[in-house]
Amino acid sequence: MNKIWNPNSVHTPKADYKHCALIEKGSQILNIAGQLGINPSGELLTSVEDQIVQAWENVQAVLVANDMSLKDLVSVRLYLTDREHLSDYSKAKQRLFDISGLPTTLIFVTGLFNPLWKVEIEAQAANLN
């Protein structure tokens, strides 16, 4: 099992994340390309909160398709197109499965490929399948 933790030699995180993930030797590693707020039928959801929830559901679907789960995530990069969307992210987290404590980087960008896309989530997972 991967070790998700905060070394004592580094400051306590200022948000709900861990500083590092140690991947167990011999693990399979899965890189998940940026997931968007587009549902399985190809529809882009309109609200930012709904896009965030759908992007996370897409991450989970990719994990399941590879016989993995959220507990196998070792790195998450979340891109939002506006600081104003931070409250939408907080609301979306309340609607989601438990995503707390992951090694996460939240990045604000000026835009994504399509201006209607407001969130993109990349992730990496590892397990000993």
Protein backbone atom coordinates (compact mmCIF):
# COMPACT_ATOMS: atom_id res chain seq x y z
CA MET A 1 0.00 0.00 0.00
CA ASN A 2 1.21 3.50 -0.79
CA LYS A 3 2.24 5.73 2.09
CA ILE A 4 0.49 9.12 1.94
CA TRP A 5 1.95 11.34 4.65
CA ASN A 6 3.52 14.55 5.95
CA PRO A 7 7.18 14.34 6.99
CA ASN A 8 7.96 16.12 10.28
CA SER A 9 10.75 18.01 8.50
CA VAL A 10 8.21 20.03 6.45
CA HIS A 11 5.57 22.52 7.62
CA THR A 12 2.04 21.32 8.35
CA PRO A 13 -0.10 21.70 5.20
CA LYS A 14 -2.18 24.86 5.07
CA ALA A 15 -5.09 23.02 3.41
CA ASP A 16 -6.49 19.48 3.27
CA TYR A 17 -3.63 17.65 1.54
CA LYS A 18 -0.50 15.63 2.29
CA HIS A 19 3.02 16.58 1.24
CA CYS A 20 3.98 13.28 -0.35
CA ALA A 21 3.11 9.80 -1.48
CA LEU A 22 5.62 6.98 -1.37
CA ILE A 23 4.74 4.42 -4.03
CA GLU A 24 5.34 0.84 -2.97
CA LYS A 25 8.07 -0.94 -4.92
CA GLY A 26 6.69 -3.08 -7.75
CA SER A 27 3.48 -1.08 -8.11
CA GLN A 28 1.65 -0.45 -11.35
CA ILE A 29 1.49 3.28 -12.07
CA LEU A 30 -1.48 4.86 -13.82
CA ASN A 31 -1.28 8.38 -15.27
CA ILE A 32 -4.69 9.93 -15.78
CA ALA A 33 -4.92 12.66 -18.41
CA GLY A 34 -6.82 15.83 -17.58
CA GLN A 35 -10.46 15.07 -16.86
CA LEU A 36 -13.13 17.66 -17.59
CA GLY A 37 -16.72 18.37 -16.57
CA ILE A 38 -18.05 16.32 -19.48
CA ASN A 39 -20.40 13.44 -18.72
CA PRO A 40 -20.19 9.98 -20.35
CA SER A 41 -22.65 11.01 -23.10
CA GLY A 42 -20.31 13.86 -24.09
CA GLU A 43 -22.32 16.73 -22.58
CA LEU A 44 -20.41 19.58 -20.94
CA LEU A 45 -22.10 20.49 -17.68
CA THR A 46 -22.86 24.18 -17.33
CA SER A 47 -22.17 25.14 -13.72
CA VAL A 48 -18.61 25.21 -12.42
CA GLU A 49 -19.61 23.15 -9.38
CA ASP A 50 -21.17 20.48 -11.62
CA GLN A 51 -18.09 20.46 -13.87
CA ILE A 52 -15.87 19.86 -10.83
CA VAL A 53 -18.05 17.00 -9.57
CA GLN A 54 -18.13 15.43 -13.04
CA ALA A 55 -14.37 15.77 -13.50
CA TRP A 56 -13.83 13.91 -10.21
CA GLU A 57 -16.38 11.26 -11.24
CA ASN A 58 -14.42 10.85 -14.49
CA VAL A 59 -11.19 10.38 -12.52
CA GLN A 60 -12.92 7.72 -10.46
CA ALA A 61 -14.27 6.02 -13.63
CA VAL A 62 -10.75 5.84 -15.13
CA LEU A 63 -9.46 4.35 -11.88
CA VAL A 64 -12.21 1.70 -11.82
CA ALA A 65 -11.58 0.86 -15.49
CA ASN A 66 -8.00 0.06 -14.44
CA ASP A 67 -8.95 -1.96 -11.33
CA MET A 68 -7.97 0.87 -9.01
CA SER A 69 -9.79 3.14 -6.57
CA LEU A 70 -9.45 6.57 -5.01
CA LYS A 71 -7.21 5.09 -2.29
CA ASP A 72 -4.63 4.41 -5.01
CA LEU A 73 -4.27 8.10 -5.95
CA VAL A 74 -0.78 9.41 -5.22
CA SER A 75 -0.89 12.79 -6.97
CA VAL A 76 -3.61 15.18 -8.11
CA ARG A 77 -3.29 18.43 -10.05
CA LEU A 78 -6.46 20.47 -10.23
CA TYR A 79 -6.69 23.43 -12.60
CA LEU A 80 -9.36 26.12 -12.14
CA THR A 81 -9.78 29.01 -14.55
CA ASP A 82 -10.67 31.63 -11.94
CA ARG A 83 -10.07 32.18 -8.22
CA GLU A 84 -13.80 32.92 -7.96
CA HIS A 85 -14.37 29.18 -8.58
CA LEU A 86 -12.77 28.24 -5.26
CA SER A 87 -16.16 28.43 -3.51
CA ASP A 88 -17.59 26.12 -6.21
CA TYR A 89 -14.76 23.70 -5.49
CA SER A 90 -15.59 23.76 -1.78
CA LYS A 91 -19.26 23.07 -2.53
CA ALA A 92 -18.37 20.30 -4.98
CA LYS A 93 -16.15 18.60 -2.38
CA GLN A 94 -19.18 18.34 -0.07
CA ARG A 95 -21.05 16.45 -2.81
CA LEU A 96 -18.19 14.08 -3.55
CA PHE A 97 -16.78 10.90 -2.10
CA ASP A 98 -13.92 11.44 0.34
CA ILE A 99 -11.07 13.16 -1.53
CA SER A 100 -9.47 14.65 1.56
CA GLY A 101 -5.81 14.26 2.38
CA LEU A 102 -4.53 13.52 -1.13
CA PRO A 103 -1.20 14.96 -2.34
CA THR A 104 -2.87 17.75 -4.31
CA THR A 105 -1.77 20.86 -6.15
CA LEU A 106 -4.44 23.46 -6.98
CA ILE A 107 -3.47 25.76 -9.84
CA PHE A 108 -5.31 28.79 -11.21
CA VAL A 109 -4.88 29.24 -14.96
CA THR A 110 -6.07 31.92 -17.37
CA GLY A 111 -7.95 29.35 -19.43
CA LEU A 112 -8.17 25.86 -20.81
CA PHE A 113 -8.36 24.71 -24.47
CA ASN A 114 -12.10 25.43 -24.67
CA PRO A 115 -13.20 28.62 -22.87
CA LEU A 116 -16.31 26.80 -21.58
CA TRP A 117 -14.13 24.34 -19.64
CA LYS A 118 -13.66 25.67 -16.09
CA VAL A 119 -11.83 22.75 -14.44
CA GLU A 120 -9.38 20.03 -15.39
CA ILE A 121 -8.07 17.31 -13.08
CA GLU A 122 -4.94 15.24 -13.76
CA ALA A 123 -3.98 12.41 -11.46
CA GLN A 124 -1.56 9.60 -10.89
CA ALA A 125 -2.37 6.35 -9.09
CA ALA A 126 -0.34 3.32 -8.08
CA ASN A 127 -1.09 -0.12 -6.65
CA LEU A 128 0.33 -3.62 -6.43
CA ASN A 129 -2.38 -5.35 -8.54
